[in-house]
Structure formats: C-alpha cells, structure tokens
Amino acid sequence: MATGKKTGGRQAGTPNIMTTELRQVLKDVLAKEYAGMPQLLDDLDSKSRIEAIIKLSKYVMPIVEAVHFKEDEPSIWGL
C-alpha cells in the first residue's frame, strides 16, 4: 500500500457514477411520491399524521436548540 500517494481508482474530482445514478433514481421516486403526499397524510390517523409531519419538518425548517445560561454569565434580562 502506498503511503500518501494515490495509485489507482478514480481521478480526483471525478464523480462516482453509481452515486450519481442512485441520487437520480431517488429524486425520481421522491418526485412521484411528492404529488400524493397530501392524500397520504390525510389518510393517516391524527397521531400518525402529527408524527409524520414532525419527522418531515426537519428537512424544511432549521433546528432550534434550547438556550442554557450559566450562573455567572451576564444576561440582558437581569435574571
């Protein structure tokens, strides 16, 4: 095995064909399913619908983390 020197495989910067093809297949599947998503959600019971929406929301909304203050940390609220 060569140390620090590439001796085979794809050239640097060359895209992986399998990855590109797999991504395209997944995009096509998701595009087909996207059109039916509202009906699929409507068919779920309330609990399952809420769970599905929560799971999907992380892909379109930023995740907000809770803010924690330390005792000796200055605060604008004076708490």
C-alpha atoms as a PDB file:
ATOM      1  CA  MET A   1       0.000   0.000   0.000  1.00  0.00           C
ATOM      2  CA  ALA A   2       1.340   3.407  -0.974  1.00  0.00           C
ATOM      3  CA  THR A   3       1.645   5.942   1.786  1.00  0.00           C
ATOM      4  CA  GLY A   4       0.378   9.406   0.945  1.00  0.00           C
ATOM      5  CA  LYS A   5       0.198   8.812  -2.792  1.00  0.00           C
ATOM      6  CA  LYS A   6      -2.842   7.755  -4.795  1.00  0.00           C
ATOM      7  CA  THR A   7      -2.023   4.783  -7.021  1.00  0.00           C
ATOM      8  CA  GLY A   8      -5.370   3.779  -8.512  1.00  0.00           C
ATOM      9  CA  GLY A   9      -9.118   4.272  -8.646  1.00  0.00           C
ATOM     10  CA  ARG A  10     -10.933   7.380  -9.901  1.00  0.00           C
ATOM     11  CA  GLN A  11      -9.025  10.546 -10.614  1.00  0.00           C
ATOM     12  CA  ALA A  12      -9.505  13.288  -8.040  1.00  0.00           C
ATOM     13  CA  GLY A  13     -12.667  15.273  -8.758  1.00  0.00           C
ATOM     14  CA  THR A  14     -14.266  12.573 -10.925  1.00  0.00           C
ATOM     15  CA  PRO A  15     -17.865  11.949  -9.760  1.00  0.00           C
ATOM     16  CA  ASN A  16     -18.864   8.462  -8.665  1.00  0.00           C
ATOM     17  CA  ILE A  17     -21.231   7.170 -11.384  1.00  0.00           C
ATOM     18  CA  MET A  18     -23.140   4.859  -9.028  1.00  0.00           C
ATOM     19  CA  THR A  19     -23.748   7.689  -6.570  1.00  0.00           C
ATOM     20  CA  THR A  20     -24.955   9.980  -9.351  1.00  0.00           C
ATOM     21  CA  GLU A  21     -27.303   7.323 -10.746  1.00  0.00           C
ATOM     22  CA  LEU A  22     -28.622   6.393  -7.300  1.00  0.00           C
ATOM     23  CA  ARG A  23     -29.351  10.024  -6.476  1.00  0.00           C
ATOM     24  CA  GLN A  24     -31.255  10.432  -9.733  1.00  0.00           C
ATOM     25  CA  VAL A  25     -33.344   7.309  -9.044  1.00  0.00           C
ATOM     26  CA  LEU A  26     -34.143   8.584  -5.532  1.00  0.00           C
ATOM     27  CA  LYS A  27     -35.075  12.027  -6.897  1.00  0.00           C
ATOM     28  CA  ASP A  28     -37.435  10.403  -9.404  1.00  0.00           C
ATOM     29  CA  VAL A  29     -39.090   8.252  -6.708  1.00  0.00           C
ATOM     30  CA  LEU A  30     -39.483  11.231  -4.373  1.00  0.00           C
ATOM     31  CA  ALA A  31     -40.921  13.389  -7.159  1.00  0.00           C
ATOM     32  CA  LYS A  32     -43.600  10.758  -7.830  1.00  0.00           C
ATOM     33  CA  GLU A  33     -44.432  10.376  -4.138  1.00  0.00           C
ATOM     34  CA  TYR A  34     -44.489  14.127  -3.529  1.00  0.00           C
ATOM     35  CA  ALA A  35     -47.649  14.581  -5.576  1.00  0.00           C
ATOM     36  CA  GLY A  36     -49.522  12.065  -3.430  1.00  0.00           C
ATOM     37  CA  MET A  37     -48.174  13.272  -0.076  1.00  0.00           C
ATOM     38  CA  PRO A  38     -51.238  15.350   0.955  1.00  0.00           C
ATOM     39  CA  GLN A  39     -53.577  12.398   0.339  1.00  0.00           C
ATOM     40  CA  LEU A  40     -51.249  10.032   2.235  1.00  0.00           C
ATOM     41  CA  LEU A  41     -51.195  12.404   5.208  1.00  0.00           C
ATOM     42  CA  ASP A  42     -54.984  12.827   5.105  1.00  0.00           C
ATOM     43  CA  ASP A  43     -55.416   9.055   5.245  1.00  0.00           C
ATOM     44  CA  LEU A  44     -53.425   8.771   8.493  1.00  0.00           C
ATOM     45  CA  ASP A  45     -54.954   8.972  11.948  1.00  0.00           C
ATOM     46  CA  SER A  46     -54.215  12.159  13.924  1.00  0.00           C
ATOM     47  CA  LYS A  47     -51.298  10.754  15.927  1.00  0.00           C
ATOM     48  CA  SER A  48     -49.568   9.247  12.885  1.00  0.00           C
ATOM     49  CA  ARG A  49     -50.130  12.426  10.848  1.00  0.00           C
ATOM     50  CA  ILE A  50     -48.509  14.581  13.540  1.00  0.00           C
ATOM     51  CA  GLU A  51     -45.575  12.152  13.847  1.00  0.00           C
ATOM     52  CA  ALA A  52     -45.054  12.195  10.076  1.00  0.00           C
ATOM     53  CA  ILE A  53     -45.185  15.996   9.927  1.00  0.00           C
ATOM     54  CA  ILE A  54     -42.676  16.283  12.780  1.00  0.00           C
ATOM     55  CA  LYS A  55     -40.293  13.871  11.037  1.00  0.00           C
ATOM     56  CA  LEU A  56     -40.602  15.691   7.708  1.00  0.00           C
ATOM     57  CA  SER A  57     -40.324  19.201   9.173  1.00  0.00           C
ATOM     58  CA  LYS A  58     -36.631  18.814   9.993  1.00  0.00           C
ATOM     59  CA  TYR A  59     -35.931  18.804   6.250  1.00  0.00           C
ATOM     60  CA  VAL A  60     -37.525  22.207   5.645  1.00  0.00           C
ATOM     61  CA  MET A  61     -37.161  24.081   8.942  1.00  0.00           C
ATOM     62  CA  PRO A  62     -33.964  24.877  10.859  1.00  0.00           C
ATOM     63  CA  ILE A  63     -33.427  23.020  14.113  1.00  0.00           C
ATOM     64  CA  VAL A  64     -33.531  25.366  17.095  1.00  0.00           C
ATOM     65  CA  GLU A  65     -31.640  24.405  20.212  1.00  0.00           C
ATOM     66  CA  ALA A  66     -32.576  25.401  23.739  1.00  0.00           C
ATOM     67  CA  VAL A  67     -30.551  28.216  25.283  1.00  0.00           C
ATOM     68  CA  HIS A  68     -28.907  27.475  28.632  1.00  0.00           C
ATOM     69  CA  PHE A  69     -27.458  30.146  30.905  1.00  0.00           C
ATOM     70  CA  LYS A  70     -24.683  29.631  33.416  1.00  0.00           C
ATOM     71  CA  GLU A  71     -24.981  31.243  36.854  1.00  0.00           C
ATOM     72  CA  ASP A  72     -22.047  33.647  36.349  1.00  0.00           C
ATOM     73  CA  GLU A  73     -22.949  34.512  32.737  1.00  0.00           C
ATOM     74  CA  PRO A  74     -24.257  38.056  32.139  1.00  0.00           C
ATOM     75  CA  SER A  75     -27.830  38.300  30.956  1.00  0.00           C
ATOM     76  CA  ILE A  76     -29.732  41.116  29.274  1.00  0.00           C
ATOM     77  CA  TRP A  77     -32.824  40.187  31.308  1.00  0.00           C
ATOM     78  CA  GLY A  78     -31.107  40.617  34.661  1.00  0.00           C
ATOM     79  CA  LEU A  79     -32.197  37.199  35.914  1.00  0.00           C
END
